[in-house]
């Protein structure tokens, strides 16, 4: 399997992120009538996914470190699938809220884990471009959700709007099954031979794989020595920290979230 296909399958997490974030805007007017939602409950139905996303983002890192990137992505695919189906079949408000919360957890985990998996499996020369694929898939998912909302708006097909999110979740699960685990995660656990075999599969060049594994082990050793909170206070990290946190802030305050 080519790395382009591997990257595309993994980036479906970004597509699900975008679709399930954007689809509520098209479905909400119909949910308002179907469940007799007050303005307060409209806010709850909309924001419960964000609450789930906050929880998912908090637990994604520890879970991925303990169980592996691939396993957690597979679980997220199941959560996306189940959350979409539950939301689509809901006949009472509490079930709808549960379904949207589950989808939100998937969004939170995917927002952290999809780019991480892409970065850790991508060839160094293509890493920037392939990690950016996740952001492209997020915006594509939002666009698709708006198109679906428009096409189904005449028939008040809110159940289909919410339920169609199950399809990429199913594709993500099936597609991830044959994909390799992150070589960086394997090397970090001391499973060097498994990491080497995975790099052989990904790179198809034994010499390049051996060189990358050597660099990877050096990076992990350096990180192990500097994994202290006090290290964040060093002046060398001031500029990268400001840039990284600043980019995250400006991505969120530009108004697109209000539109969504």
C-alpha atoms as a PDB file:
ATOM      1  CA  UNK A   1       0.000   0.000   0.000  1.00  0.00           C
ATOM      2  CA  UNK A   2       1.386   3.412  -0.976  1.00  0.00           C
ATOM      3  CA  UNK A   3       1.963   6.016   1.663  1.00  0.00           C
ATOM      4  CA  UNK A   4      -0.453   8.341  -0.121  1.00  0.00           C
ATOM      5  CA  UNK A   5      -3.216   5.806   0.509  1.00  0.00           C
ATOM      6  CA  UNK A   6      -2.103   5.343   4.124  1.00  0.00           C
ATOM      7  CA  UNK A   7      -2.185   9.111   4.653  1.00  0.00           C
ATOM      8  CA  UNK A   8      -5.606   9.425   3.012  1.00  0.00           C
ATOM      9  CA  UNK A   9      -7.125   6.696   5.199  1.00  0.00           C
ATOM     10  CA  UNK A  10      -5.664   8.148   8.390  1.00  0.00           C
ATOM     11  CA  UNK A  11      -6.808  11.650   7.385  1.00  0.00           C
ATOM     12  CA  UNK A  12     -10.425  10.445   7.302  1.00  0.00           C
ATOM     13  CA  UNK A  13     -10.332  11.311  11.005  1.00  0.00           C
ATOM     14  CA  UNK A  14     -10.005  14.928   9.896  1.00  0.00           C
ATOM     15  CA  UNK A  15     -12.907  14.535   7.460  1.00  0.00           C
ATOM     16  CA  UNK A  16     -15.086  13.202  10.280  1.00  0.00           C
ATOM     17  CA  UNK A  17     -13.941  16.065  12.497  1.00  0.00           C
ATOM     18  CA  UNK A  18     -15.071  18.598   9.888  1.00  0.00           C
ATOM     19  CA  UNK A  19     -18.310  16.864   8.914  1.00  0.00           C
ATOM     20  CA  UNK A  20     -19.585  16.321  12.435  1.00  0.00           C
ATOM     21  CA  UNK A  21     -18.629  19.858  13.438  1.00  0.00           C
ATOM     22  CA  UNK A  22     -20.424  21.463  10.510  1.00  0.00           C
ATOM     23  CA  UNK A  23     -23.467  19.234  10.067  1.00  0.00           C
ATOM     24  CA  UNK A  24     -25.276  20.535  13.146  1.00  0.00           C
ATOM     25  CA  UNK A  25     -25.802  23.911  11.459  1.00  0.00           C
ATOM     26  CA  UNK A  26     -27.930  22.314   8.745  1.00  0.00           C
ATOM     27  CA  UNK A  27     -29.738  19.930  11.071  1.00  0.00           C
ATOM     28  CA  UNK A  28     -30.516  22.310  13.935  1.00  0.00           C
ATOM     29  CA  UNK A  29     -33.589  24.031  12.420  1.00  0.00           C
ATOM     30  CA  UNK A  30     -35.203  20.622  11.938  1.00  0.00           C
ATOM     31  CA  UNK A  31     -34.095  19.362  15.349  1.00  0.00           C
ATOM     32  CA  UNK A  32     -35.718  22.448  16.853  1.00  0.00           C
ATOM     33  CA  UNK A  33     -39.093  21.392  15.442  1.00  0.00           C
ATOM     34  CA  UNK A  34     -38.683  17.638  15.912  1.00  0.00           C
ATOM     35  CA  UNK A  35     -37.777  17.902  19.607  1.00  0.00           C
ATOM     36  CA  UNK A  36     -39.510  21.221  20.421  1.00  0.00           C
ATOM     37  CA  UNK A  37     -36.174  22.668  21.501  1.00  0.00           C
ATOM     38  CA  UNK A  38     -36.066  25.814  23.568  1.00  0.00           C
ATOM     39  CA  UNK A  39     -33.234  28.285  22.843  1.00  0.00           C
ATOM     40  CA  UNK A  40     -31.395  26.826  25.847  1.00  0.00           C
ATOM     41  CA  UNK A  41     -31.667  23.268  24.569  1.00  0.00           C
ATOM     42  CA  UNK A  42     -30.636  24.336  21.068  1.00  0.00           C
ATOM     43  CA  UNK A  43     -27.457  25.608  22.688  1.00  0.00           C
ATOM     44  CA  UNK A  44     -27.042  22.345  24.596  1.00  0.00           C
ATOM     45  CA  UNK A  45     -27.503  20.164  21.500  1.00  0.00           C
ATOM     46  CA  UNK A  46     -24.975  22.291  19.638  1.00  0.00           C
ATOM     47  CA  UNK A  47     -22.375  22.677  22.371  1.00  0.00           C
ATOM     48  CA  UNK A  48     -22.500  19.170  23.859  1.00  0.00           C
ATOM     49  CA  UNK A  49     -20.312  18.022  20.975  1.00  0.00           C
ATOM     50  CA  UNK A  50     -17.748  20.657  21.956  1.00  0.00           C
ATOM     51  CA  UNK A  51     -17.854  19.431  25.556  1.00  0.00           C
ATOM     52  CA  UNK A  52     -17.180  15.919  24.281  1.00  0.00           C
ATOM     53  CA  UNK A  53     -14.372  17.257  22.092  1.00  0.00           C
ATOM     54  CA  UNK A  54     -12.724  18.910  25.100  1.00  0.00           C
ATOM     55  CA  UNK A  55     -12.826  15.604  26.983  1.00  0.00           C
ATOM     56  CA  UNK A  56     -11.558  13.672  23.977  1.00  0.00           C
ATOM     57  CA  UNK A  57      -8.651  16.041  23.456  1.00  0.00           C
ATOM     58  CA  UNK A  58      -7.618  15.701  27.107  1.00  0.00           C
ATOM     59  CA  UNK A  59      -7.551  11.898  27.114  1.00  0.00           C
ATOM     60  CA  UNK A  60      -6.225  11.360  23.569  1.00  0.00           C
ATOM     61  CA  UNK A  61      -2.541  11.790  24.419  1.00  0.00           C
ATOM     62  CA  UNK A  62      -2.366   9.449  27.441  1.00  0.00           C
ATOM     63  CA  UNK A  63      -4.473   6.811  25.672  1.00  0.00           C
ATOM     64  CA  UNK A  64      -2.355   6.956  22.513  1.00  0.00           C
ATOM     65  CA  UNK A  65       0.844   6.684  24.568  1.00  0.00           C
ATOM     66  CA  UNK A  66      -0.472   3.665  26.458  1.00  0.00           C
ATOM     67  CA  UNK A  67      -2.308   1.687  23.782  1.00  0.00           C
ATOM     68  CA  UNK A  68      -0.799   2.956  20.537  1.00  0.00           C
ATOM     69  CA  UNK A  69      -1.923   5.384  17.852  1.00  0.00           C
ATOM     70  CA  UNK A  70      -3.550   2.788  15.612  1.00  0.00           C
ATOM     71  CA  UNK A  71      -5.639   1.159  18.342  1.00  0.00           C
ATOM     72  CA  UNK A  72      -7.009   4.476  19.560  1.00  0.00           C
ATOM     73  CA  UNK A  73      -7.841   5.600  16.009  1.00  0.00           C
ATOM     74  CA  UNK A  74      -9.769   2.347  15.516  1.00  0.00           C
ATOM     75  CA  UNK A  75     -11.698   3.018  18.721  1.00  0.00           C
ATOM     76  CA  UNK A  76     -12.390   6.584  17.558  1.00  0.00           C
ATOM     77  CA  UNK A  77     -13.783   5.238  14.280  1.00  0.00           C
ATOM     78  CA  UNK A  78     -16.206   3.083  16.278  1.00  0.00           C
ATOM     79  CA  UNK A  79     -17.177   6.089  18.415  1.00  0.00           C
ATOM     80  CA  UNK A  80     -17.842   8.194  15.312  1.00  0.00           C
ATOM     81  CA  UNK A  81     -19.917   5.409  13.782  1.00  0.00           C
ATOM     82  CA  UNK A  82     -21.934   4.716  16.917  1.00  0.00           C
ATOM     83  CA  UNK A  83     -22.448   8.404  17.728  1.00  0.00           C
ATOM     84  CA  UNK A  84     -23.735   9.145  14.212  1.00  0.00           C
ATOM     85  CA  UNK A  85     -26.147   6.192  14.247  1.00  0.00           C
ATOM     86  CA  UNK A  86     -27.440   7.010  17.746  1.00  0.00           C
ATOM     87  CA  UNK A  87     -27.960  10.660  16.781  1.00  0.00           C
ATOM     88  CA  UNK A  88     -29.771   9.721  13.576  1.00  0.00           C
ATOM     89  CA  UNK A  89     -32.099   7.221  15.270  1.00  0.00           C
ATOM     90  CA  UNK A  90     -32.839   9.343  18.352  1.00  0.00           C
ATOM     91  CA  UNK A  91     -36.531   9.699  19.229  1.00  0.00           C
ATOM     92  CA  UNK A  92     -36.011  11.493  22.539  1.00  0.00           C
ATOM     93  CA  UNK A  93     -33.788  14.431  23.345  1.00  0.00           C
ATOM     94  CA  UNK A  94     -31.563  12.640  25.862  1.00  0.00           C
ATOM     95  CA  UNK A  95     -30.537  10.025  23.258  1.00  0.00           C
ATOM     96  CA  UNK A  96     -29.733  12.776  20.753  1.00  0.00           C
ATOM     97  CA  UNK A  97     -27.547  14.534  23.327  1.00  0.00           C
ATOM     98  CA  UNK A  98     -25.719  11.287  24.112  1.00  0.00           C
ATOM     99  CA  UNK A  99     -25.093  10.651  20.422  1.00  0.00           C
ATOM    100  CA  UNK A 100     -23.772  14.171  19.838  1.00  0.00           C
ATOM    101  CA  UNK A 101     -21.555  13.893  22.923  1.00  0.00           C
ATOM    102  CA  UNK A 102     -20.050  10.662  21.586  1.00  0.00           C
ATOM    103  CA  UNK A 103     -19.382  12.321  18.238  1.00  0.00           C
ATOM    104  CA  UNK A 104     -17.735  15.182  20.132  1.00  0.00           C
ATOM    105  CA  UNK A 105     -15.394  12.794  21.948  1.00  0.00           C
ATOM    106  CA  UNK A 106     -14.394  11.417  18.566  1.00  0.00           C
ATOM    107  CA  UNK A 107     -13.772  14.950  17.274  1.00  0.00           C
ATOM    108  CA  UNK A 108     -11.518  15.748  20.230  1.00  0.00           C
ATOM    109  CA  UNK A 109      -9.440  12.593  19.921  1.00  0.00           C
ATOM    110  CA  UNK A 110      -9.199  12.871  16.130  1.00  0.00           C
ATOM    111  CA  UNK A 111      -8.093  16.507  16.301  1.00  0.00           C
ATOM    112  CA  UNK A 112      -5.029  15.437  18.271  1.00  0.00           C
ATOM    113  CA  UNK A 113      -4.348  11.916  17.043  1.00  0.00           C
ATOM    114  CA  UNK A 114      -4.832  12.150  13.273  1.00  0.00           C
ATOM    115  CA  UNK A 115      -2.033  14.697  12.678  1.00  0.00           C
ATOM    116  CA  UNK A 116       0.133  12.842  15.207  1.00  0.00           C
ATOM    117  CA  UNK A 117      -0.198   9.541  13.340  1.00  0.00           C
ATOM    118  CA  UNK A 118       0.407  11.264  10.009  1.00  0.00           C
ATOM    119  CA  UNK A 119       3.540  12.965  11.347  1.00  0.00           C
ATOM    120  CA  UNK A 120       4.972   9.835  12.930  1.00  0.00           C
ATOM    121  CA  UNK A 121       4.508   7.649   9.865  1.00  0.00           C
ATOM    122  CA  UNK A 122       5.296  10.184   7.118  1.00  0.00           C
ATOM    123  CA  UNK A 123       8.704  10.300   5.384  1.00  0.00           C
ATOM    124  CA  UNK A 124      10.654  13.283   6.762  1.00  0.00           C
ATOM    125  CA  UNK A 125      10.787  15.011   3.367  1.00  0.00           C
ATOM    126  CA  UNK A 126       6.989  14.851   2.981  1.00  0.00           C
ATOM    127  CA  UNK A 127       5.962  15.282   6.605  1.00  0.00           C
ATOM    128  CA  UNK A 128       4.819  18.901   6.401  1.00  0.00           C
ATOM    129  CA  UNK A 129       2.672  18.382   3.332  1.00  0.00           C
ATOM    130  CA  UNK A 130       1.073  15.173   4.573  1.00  0.00           C
ATOM    131  CA  UNK A 131       0.299  16.521   8.038  1.00  0.00           C
ATOM    132  CA  UNK A 132      -1.368  19.485   6.306  1.00  0.00           C
ATOM    133  CA  UNK A 133      -3.634  16.933   4.616  1.00  0.00           C
ATOM    134  CA  UNK A 134      -5.470  16.655   7.935  1.00  0.00           C
ATOM    135  CA  UNK A 135      -6.425  20.337   7.845  1.00  0.00           C
ATOM    136  CA  UNK A 136      -7.523  19.999   4.219  1.00  0.00           C
ATOM    137  CA  UNK A 137      -9.733  17.061   5.166  1.00  0.00           C
ATOM    138  CA  UNK A 138     -11.266  19.013   8.064  1.00  0.00           C
ATOM    139  CA  UNK A 139     -12.296  21.863   5.768  1.00  0.00           C
ATOM    140  CA  UNK A 140     -13.469  19.348   3.158  1.00  0.00           C
ATOM    141  CA  UNK A 141     -15.622  17.682   5.818  1.00  0.00           C
ATOM    142  CA  UNK A 142     -17.181  21.032   6.718  1.00  0.00           C
ATOM    143  CA  UNK A 143     -17.890  21.743   3.045  1.00  0.00           C
ATOM    144  CA  UNK A 144     -19.439  18.298   2.562  1.00  0.00           C
ATOM    145  CA  UNK A 145     -21.638  18.797   5.632  1.00  0.00           C
ATOM    146  CA  UNK A 146     -22.991  22.051   4.192  1.00  0.00           C
ATOM    147  CA  UNK A 147     -23.662  20.453   0.806  1.00  0.00           C
ATOM    148  CA  UNK A 148     -25.427  17.509   2.457  1.00  0.00           C
ATOM    149  CA  UNK A 149     -27.444  19.900   4.619  1.00  0.00           C
ATOM    150  CA  UNK A 150     -28.528  21.837   1.539  1.00  0.00           C
ATOM    151  CA  UNK A 151     -29.458  18.754  -0.465  1.00  0.00           C
ATOM    152  CA  UNK A 152     -31.495  17.263   2.378  1.00  0.00           C
ATOM    153  CA  UNK A 153     -33.081  20.496   3.580  1.00  0.00           C
ATOM    154  CA  UNK A 154     -36.189  20.130   1.422  1.00  0.00           C
ATOM    155  CA  UNK A 155     -37.241  16.876   2.996  1.00  0.00           C
ATOM    156  CA  UNK A 156     -36.256  17.738   6.559  1.00  0.00           C
ATOM    157  CA  UNK A 157     -33.815  14.857   6.370  1.00  0.00           C
ATOM    158  CA  UNK A 158     -31.950  15.685   9.570  1.00  0.00           C
ATOM    159  CA  UNK A 159     -31.620  11.999  10.409  1.00  0.00           C
ATOM    160  CA  UNK A 160     -29.712  11.416   7.176  1.00  0.00           C
ATOM    161  CA  UNK A 161     -27.596  14.515   7.816  1.00  0.00           C
ATOM    162  CA  UNK A 162     -26.472  13.154  11.167  1.00  0.00           C
ATOM    163  CA  UNK A 163     -26.384   9.499  10.128  1.00  0.00           C
ATOM    164  CA  UNK A 164     -24.183   9.931   7.064  1.00  0.00           C
ATOM    165  CA  UNK A 165     -21.268  10.619   9.420  1.00  0.00           C
ATOM    166  CA  UNK A 166     -21.272   6.876  10.103  1.00  0.00           C
ATOM    167  CA  UNK A 167     -20.073   6.095   6.569  1.00  0.00           C
ATOM    168  CA  UNK A 168     -16.573   7.649   6.764  1.00  0.00           C
ATOM    169  CA  UNK A 169     -16.317   6.237  10.297  1.00  0.00           C
ATOM    170  CA  UNK A 170     -16.836   2.755   8.883  1.00  0.00           C
ATOM    171  CA  UNK A 171     -14.332   3.402   6.078  1.00  0.00           C
ATOM    172  CA  UNK A 172     -11.791   4.703   8.605  1.00  0.00           C
ATOM    173  CA  UNK A 173     -12.145   1.570  10.751  1.00  0.00           C
ATOM    174  CA  UNK A 174     -11.835  -0.878   7.862  1.00  0.00           C
ATOM    175  CA  UNK A 175      -9.034   1.119   6.249  1.00  0.00           C
ATOM    176  CA  UNK A 176      -6.982   1.354   9.439  1.00  0.00           C
ATOM    177  CA  UNK A 177      -6.998  -2.392  10.108  1.00  0.00           C
ATOM    178  CA  UNK A 178      -4.127  -3.255   7.698  1.00  0.00           C
ATOM    179  CA  UNK A 179      -2.128  -0.074   8.418  1.00  0.00           C
ATOM    180  CA  UNK A 180       1.033  -0.221  10.558  1.00  0.00           C
ATOM    181  CA  UNK A 181       1.473   1.164  14.044  1.00  0.00           C
ATOM    182  CA  UNK A 182       3.524   4.305  14.500  1.00  0.00           C
ATOM    183  CA  UNK A 183       7.235   3.389  14.395  1.00  0.00           C
ATOM    184  CA  UNK A 184       7.961   6.223  16.805  1.00  0.00           C
ATOM    185  CA  UNK A 185       5.566   4.778  19.386  1.00  0.00           C
ATOM    186  CA  UNK A 186       7.073   1.309  18.964  1.00  0.00           C
ATOM    187  CA  UNK A 187      10.615   2.649  19.351  1.00  0.00           C
ATOM    188  CA  UNK A 188       9.582   4.626  22.417  1.00  0.00           C
ATOM    189  CA  UNK A 189       8.499   1.392  24.092  1.00  0.00           C
ATOM    190  CA  UNK A 190      11.791  -0.280  23.254  1.00  0.00           C
ATOM    191  CA  UNK A 191      10.221  -2.451  20.539  1.00  0.00           C
ATOM    192  CA  UNK A 192      13.070  -1.631  18.172  1.00  0.00           C
ATOM    193  CA  UNK A 193      12.738  -4.587  15.816  1.00  0.00           C
ATOM    194  CA  UNK A 194       9.022  -3.936  15.319  1.00  0.00           C
ATOM    195  CA  UNK A 195       9.793  -0.276  14.667  1.00  0.00           C
ATOM    196  CA  UNK A 196      12.450  -1.285  12.098  1.00  0.00           C
ATOM    197  CA  UNK A 197      10.068  -3.678  10.325  1.00  0.00           C
ATOM    198  CA  UNK A 198       7.383  -0.987  10.220  1.00  0.00           C
ATOM    199  CA  UNK A 199       9.824   1.513   8.721  1.00  0.00           C
ATOM    200  CA  UNK A 200      10.841  -1.089   6.118  1.00  0.00           C
ATOM    201  CA  UNK A 201       7.165  -1.387   5.130  1.00  0.00           C
ATOM    202  CA  UNK A 202       6.626   2.374   5.049  1.00  0.00           C
ATOM    203  CA  UNK A 203       9.859   3.428   3.343  1.00  0.00           C
ATOM    204  CA  UNK A 204      10.590   0.355   1.164  1.00  0.00           C
ATOM    205  CA  UNK A 205      14.277   1.209   1.536  1.00  0.00           C
ATOM    206  CA  UNK A 206      16.228  -0.642   4.210  1.00  0.00           C
ATOM    207  CA  UNK A 207      19.078   1.842   4.357  1.00  0.00           C
ATOM    208  CA  UNK A 208      16.748   4.836   4.676  1.00  0.00           C
ATOM    209  CA  UNK A 209      14.693   2.980   7.299  1.00  0.00           C
ATOM    210  CA  UNK A 210      17.782   2.113   9.369  1.00  0.00           C
ATOM    211  CA  UNK A 211      19.000   5.704   9.223  1.00  0.00           C
ATOM    212  CA  UNK A 212      15.593   7.033  10.254  1.00  0.00           C
ATOM    213  CA  UNK A 213      15.372   4.545  13.119  1.00  0.00           C
ATOM    214  CA  UNK A 214      18.791   5.642  14.384  1.00  0.00           C
ATOM    215  CA  UNK A 215      17.695   9.283  14.278  1.00  0.00           C
ATOM    216  CA  UNK A 216      14.415   8.372  15.920  1.00  0.00           C
ATOM    217  CA  UNK A 217      16.151   6.637  18.826  1.00  0.00           C
ATOM    218  CA  UNK A 218      18.433   9.643  19.311  1.00  0.00           C
ATOM    219  CA  UNK A 219      15.431  11.970  19.375  1.00  0.00           C
ATOM    220  CA  UNK A 220      13.631   9.794  21.915  1.00  0.00           C
ATOM    221  CA  UNK A 221      16.707   9.671  24.179  1.00  0.00           C
ATOM    222  CA  UNK A 222      17.036  13.451  24.017  1.00  0.00           C
ATOM    223  CA  UNK A 223      13.353  13.911  24.795  1.00  0.00           C
ATOM    224  CA  UNK A 224      13.596  11.538  27.753  1.00  0.00           C
ATOM    225  CA  UNK A 225      16.364  13.658  29.236  1.00  0.00           C
ATOM    226  CA  UNK A 226      14.448  16.921  28.831  1.00  0.00           C
ATOM    227  CA  UNK A 227      10.892  15.932  29.678  1.00  0.00           C
ATOM    228  CA  UNK A 228      10.564  18.303  32.616  1.00  0.00           C
ATOM    229  CA  UNK A 229       8.212  21.233  33.178  1.00  0.00           C
ATOM    230  CA  UNK A 230      11.175  23.410  34.098  1.00  0.00           C
ATOM    231  CA  UNK A 231      12.545  23.026  30.576  1.00  0.00           C
ATOM    232  CA  UNK A 232       9.611  25.057  29.262  1.00  0.00           C
ATOM    233  CA  UNK A 233      11.033  28.075  31.077  1.00  0.00           C
ATOM    234  CA  UNK A 234      14.257  28.139  29.078  1.00  0.00           C
ATOM    235  CA  UNK A 235      14.661  31.149  26.788  1.00  0.00           C
ATOM    236  CA  UNK A 236      15.350  28.947  23.750  1.00  0.00           C
ATOM    237  CA  UNK A 237      11.749  27.734  23.818  1.00  0.00           C
ATOM    238  CA  UNK A 238      10.123  31.149  24.202  1.00  0.00           C
ATOM    239  CA  UNK A 239       9.783  31.886  20.499  1.00  0.00           C
ATOM    240  CA  UNK A 240       8.508  28.414  19.429  1.00  0.00           C
ATOM    241  CA  UNK A 241       6.029  28.425  22.324  1.00  0.00           C
ATOM    242  CA  UNK A 242       4.715  31.891  21.434  1.00  0.00           C
ATOM    243  CA  UNK A 243       4.395  30.959  17.761  1.00  0.00           C
ATOM    244  CA  UNK A 244       2.710  27.618  18.445  1.00  0.00           C
ATOM    245  CA  UNK A 245       0.243  28.889  21.039  1.00  0.00           C
ATOM    246  CA  UNK A 246      -0.357  32.065  19.030  1.00  0.00           C
ATOM    247  CA  UNK A 247      -1.261  30.112  15.902  1.00  0.00           C
ATOM    248  CA  UNK A 248      -3.696  27.975  17.885  1.00  0.00           C
ATOM    249  CA  UNK A 249      -5.354  31.075  19.335  1.00  0.00           C
ATOM    250  CA  UNK A 250      -5.647  32.944  16.038  1.00  0.00           C
ATOM    251  CA  UNK A 251      -7.125  29.850  14.356  1.00  0.00           C
ATOM    252  CA  UNK A 252      -9.963  29.935  16.886  1.00  0.00           C
ATOM    253  CA  UNK A 253     -10.731  33.678  17.141  1.00  0.00           C
ATOM    254  CA  UNK A 254     -11.006  34.558  13.456  1.00  0.00           C
ATOM    255  CA  UNK A 255     -14.770  33.977  13.343  1.00  0.00           C
ATOM    256  CA  UNK A 256     -15.031  30.729  11.385  1.00  0.00           C
ATOM    257  CA  UNK A 257     -16.225  28.850  14.464  1.00  0.00           C
ATOM    258  CA  UNK A 258     -19.123  31.288  14.840  1.00  0.00           C
ATOM    259  CA  UNK A 259     -20.058  30.703  11.198  1.00  0.00           C
ATOM    260  CA  UNK A 260     -19.932  26.931  11.670  1.00  0.00           C
END
